[in-house]
Amino acid sequence: MRLNLKVPFAEKDEAKKLGARWDAGRKIWYVEGKEDLAPFARWSPTPHDASASASAAAAPTRRGSAGAEVSSSGKVHVGARYVEHPRVCDCPPWEVCDKCQAMALTN
């Protein structure tokens, strides 16, 4: 079983000596396959420091004006949750004109 660790840069050498490994893709220290995790307890993430995927799944959601689910995590939803809105006018996507005001995303 893999356990992600929250290791400060100043303590990385100590964690490495104990057997922690660096995941360059995720940019996080972890241990895997260790029976005794007690030496790593001080770097064990607290419940509010959960991984990004867990926090994104638990992020509160609200309903937008069209009834679509809008996540407050600020992530862009793709795949099954993607809804393409029709173009209302020819203005650039980053500008909001009078014609496209109703379709504009507001915070």
C-alpha atoms as a PDB file:
ATOM      1  CA  MET A   1       0.000   0.000   0.000  1.00  0.00           C
ATOM      2  CA  ARG A   2       1.278   3.460  -0.898  1.00  0.00           C
ATOM      3  CA  LEU A   3       1.347   6.281   1.651  1.00  0.00           C
ATOM      4  CA  ASN A   4       2.020   9.789   0.373  1.00  0.00           C
ATOM      5  CA  LEU A   5       4.107  11.940   2.693  1.00  0.00           C
ATOM      6  CA  LYS A   6       4.338  15.666   3.260  1.00  0.00           C
ATOM      7  CA  VAL A   7       8.096  16.043   3.614  1.00  0.00           C
ATOM      8  CA  PRO A   8       9.621  19.537   3.876  1.00  0.00           C
ATOM      9  CA  PHE A   9      12.566  20.092   1.549  1.00  0.00           C
ATOM     10  CA  ALA A  10      14.955  20.452   4.495  1.00  0.00           C
ATOM     11  CA  GLU A  11      14.043  16.925   5.696  1.00  0.00           C
ATOM     12  CA  LYS A  12      14.118  15.116   2.343  1.00  0.00           C
ATOM     13  CA  ASP A  13      17.490  13.424   2.981  1.00  0.00           C
ATOM     14  CA  GLU A  14      16.278  12.009   6.276  1.00  0.00           C
ATOM     15  CA  ALA A  15      13.113  10.666   4.666  1.00  0.00           C
ATOM     16  CA  LYS A  16      15.163   9.115   1.875  1.00  0.00           C
ATOM     17  CA  LYS A  17      17.460   7.360   4.398  1.00  0.00           C
ATOM     18  CA  LEU A  18      14.393   5.816   6.038  1.00  0.00           C
ATOM     19  CA  GLY A  19      13.208   4.456   2.681  1.00  0.00           C
ATOM     20  CA  ALA A  20      10.899   7.128   1.297  1.00  0.00           C
ATOM     21  CA  ARG A  21      10.902   7.572  -2.468  1.00  0.00           C
ATOM     22  CA  TRP A  22      10.282  10.635  -4.655  1.00  0.00           C
ATOM     23  CA  ASP A  23       7.485  10.514  -7.261  1.00  0.00           C
ATOM     24  CA  ALA A  24       8.676  13.036  -9.846  1.00  0.00           C
ATOM     25  CA  GLY A  25       5.398  12.957 -11.787  1.00  0.00           C
ATOM     26  CA  ARG A  26       3.292  13.914  -8.777  1.00  0.00           C
ATOM     27  CA  LYS A  27       6.100  15.804  -7.016  1.00  0.00           C
ATOM     28  CA  ILE A  28       5.511  14.093  -3.706  1.00  0.00           C
ATOM     29  CA  TRP A  29       7.393  11.768  -1.354  1.00  0.00           C
ATOM     30  CA  TYR A  30       5.872   8.367  -0.598  1.00  0.00           C
ATOM     31  CA  VAL A  31       6.522   4.968   1.005  1.00  0.00           C
ATOM     32  CA  GLU A  32       5.284   1.704  -0.350  1.00  0.00           C
ATOM     33  CA  GLY A  33       5.431  -1.849   0.907  1.00  0.00           C
ATOM     34  CA  LYS A  34       6.645  -0.941   4.402  1.00  0.00           C
ATOM     35  CA  GLU A  35       5.232  -2.866   7.360  1.00  0.00           C
ATOM     36  CA  ASP A  36       6.323  -0.325   9.990  1.00  0.00           C
ATOM     37  CA  LEU A  37       5.211   3.205   9.103  1.00  0.00           C
ATOM     38  CA  ALA A  38       6.016   4.660  12.544  1.00  0.00           C
ATOM     39  CA  PRO A  39       9.261   6.362  11.371  1.00  0.00           C
ATOM     40  CA  PHE A  40       7.210   8.270   8.769  1.00  0.00           C
ATOM     41  CA  ALA A  41       4.420   9.370  11.138  1.00  0.00           C
ATOM     42  CA  ARG A  42       5.599  12.982  11.388  1.00  0.00           C
ATOM     43  CA  TRP A  43       5.329  13.363   7.601  1.00  0.00           C
ATOM     44  CA  SER A  44       1.966  11.648   7.328  1.00  0.00           C
ATOM     45  CA  PRO A  45      -0.540  14.096   5.860  1.00  0.00           C
ATOM     46  CA  THR A  46      -3.355  15.229   8.112  1.00  0.00           C
ATOM     47  CA  PRO A  47      -6.964  14.683   6.960  1.00  0.00           C
ATOM     48  CA  HIS A  48      -7.217  18.240   5.563  1.00  0.00           C
ATOM     49  CA  ASP A  49      -3.992  17.663   3.555  1.00  0.00           C
ATOM     50  CA  ALA A  50      -5.526  14.836   1.512  1.00  0.00           C
ATOM     51  CA  SER A  51      -4.401  14.325  -2.052  1.00  0.00           C
ATOM     52  CA  ALA A  52      -5.773  16.554  -4.801  1.00  0.00           C
ATOM     53  CA  SER A  53      -8.043  13.858  -6.172  1.00  0.00           C
ATOM     54  CA  ALA A  54      -9.664  13.266  -2.793  1.00  0.00           C
ATOM     55  CA  SER A  55     -10.163  16.969  -2.149  1.00  0.00           C
ATOM     56  CA  ALA A  56     -11.593  17.515  -5.631  1.00  0.00           C
ATOM     57  CA  ALA A  57     -14.060  14.689  -5.101  1.00  0.00           C
ATOM     58  CA  ALA A  58     -15.158  16.181  -1.783  1.00  0.00           C
ATOM     59  CA  ALA A  59     -15.355  19.759  -3.071  1.00  0.00           C
ATOM     60  CA  PRO A  60     -18.742  21.367  -2.547  1.00  0.00           C
ATOM     61  CA  THR A  61     -20.856  21.871  -5.625  1.00  0.00           C
ATOM     62  CA  ARG A  62     -23.656  24.238  -6.548  1.00  0.00           C
ATOM     63  CA  ARG A  63     -26.166  24.405  -9.354  1.00  0.00           C
ATOM     64  CA  GLY A  64     -25.598  26.921 -12.130  1.00  0.00           C
ATOM     65  CA  SER A  65     -28.326  28.937 -13.844  1.00  0.00           C
ATOM     66  CA  ALA A  66     -28.919  26.151 -16.368  1.00  0.00           C
ATOM     67  CA  GLY A  67     -29.165  23.516 -13.609  1.00  0.00           C
ATOM     68  CA  ALA A  68     -25.730  22.098 -14.413  1.00  0.00           C
ATOM     69  CA  GLU A  69     -23.474  21.079 -11.551  1.00  0.00           C
ATOM     70  CA  VAL A  70     -20.730  23.664 -10.970  1.00  0.00           C
ATOM     71  CA  SER A  71     -17.794  22.736  -8.749  1.00  0.00           C
ATOM     72  CA  SER A  72     -16.356  25.358  -6.421  1.00  0.00           C
ATOM     73  CA  SER A  73     -12.895  23.793  -6.775  1.00  0.00           C
ATOM     74  CA  GLY A  74     -12.219  25.861  -9.904  1.00  0.00           C
ATOM     75  CA  LYS A  75     -11.458  22.808 -12.039  1.00  0.00           C
ATOM     76  CA  VAL A  76     -12.624  22.500 -15.618  1.00  0.00           C
ATOM     77  CA  HIS A  77     -14.901  19.490 -16.057  1.00  0.00           C
ATOM     78  CA  VAL A  78     -14.333  17.385 -19.130  1.00  0.00           C
ATOM     79  CA  GLY A  79     -15.691  14.083 -20.340  1.00  0.00           C
ATOM     80  CA  ALA A  80     -19.180  13.122 -19.199  1.00  0.00           C
ATOM     81  CA  ARG A  81     -19.685  16.466 -17.427  1.00  0.00           C
ATOM     82  CA  TYR A  82     -18.705  18.608 -20.418  1.00  0.00           C
ATOM     83  CA  VAL A  83     -21.484  20.746 -21.863  1.00  0.00           C
ATOM     84  CA  GLU A  84     -20.761  22.834 -24.939  1.00  0.00           C
ATOM     85  CA  HIS A  85     -22.625  26.106 -24.960  1.00  0.00           C
ATOM     86  CA  PRO A  86     -23.666  27.559 -28.331  1.00  0.00           C
ATOM     87  CA  ARG A  87     -21.956  30.730 -29.514  1.00  0.00           C
ATOM     88  CA  VAL A  88     -24.244  33.714 -29.004  1.00  0.00           C
ATOM     89  CA  CYS A  89     -22.088  36.337 -30.677  1.00  0.00           C
ATOM     90  CA  ASP A  90     -18.696  36.860 -32.306  1.00  0.00           C
ATOM     91  CA  CYS A  91     -16.945  38.543 -29.380  1.00  0.00           C
ATOM     92  CA  PRO A  92     -13.715  36.968 -28.016  1.00  0.00           C
ATOM     93  CA  PRO A  93     -14.327  34.316 -25.299  1.00  0.00           C
ATOM     94  CA  TRP A  94     -12.651  36.419 -22.598  1.00  0.00           C
ATOM     95  CA  GLU A  95     -14.922  39.421 -23.165  1.00  0.00           C
ATOM     96  CA  VAL A  96     -18.579  39.613 -22.170  1.00  0.00           C
ATOM     97  CA  CYS A  97     -20.803  41.704 -24.394  1.00  0.00           C
ATOM     98  CA  ASP A  98     -24.525  42.472 -23.994  1.00  0.00           C
ATOM     99  CA  LYS A  99     -25.528  39.561 -26.247  1.00  0.00           C
ATOM    100  CA  CYS A 100     -23.564  36.908 -24.338  1.00  0.00           C
ATOM    101  CA  GLN A 101     -24.172  38.255 -20.808  1.00  0.00           C
ATOM    102  CA  ALA A 102     -26.775  35.548 -20.091  1.00  0.00           C
ATOM    103  CA  MET A 103     -24.292  32.778 -20.908  1.00  0.00           C
ATOM    104  CA  ALA A 104     -21.335  34.310 -19.028  1.00  0.00           C
ATOM    105  CA  LEU A 105     -19.825  32.396 -16.115  1.00  0.00           C
ATOM    106  CA  THR A 106     -19.864  34.548 -13.006  1.00  0.00           C
ATOM    107  CA  ASN A 107     -18.320  33.964  -9.574  1.00  0.00           C
END
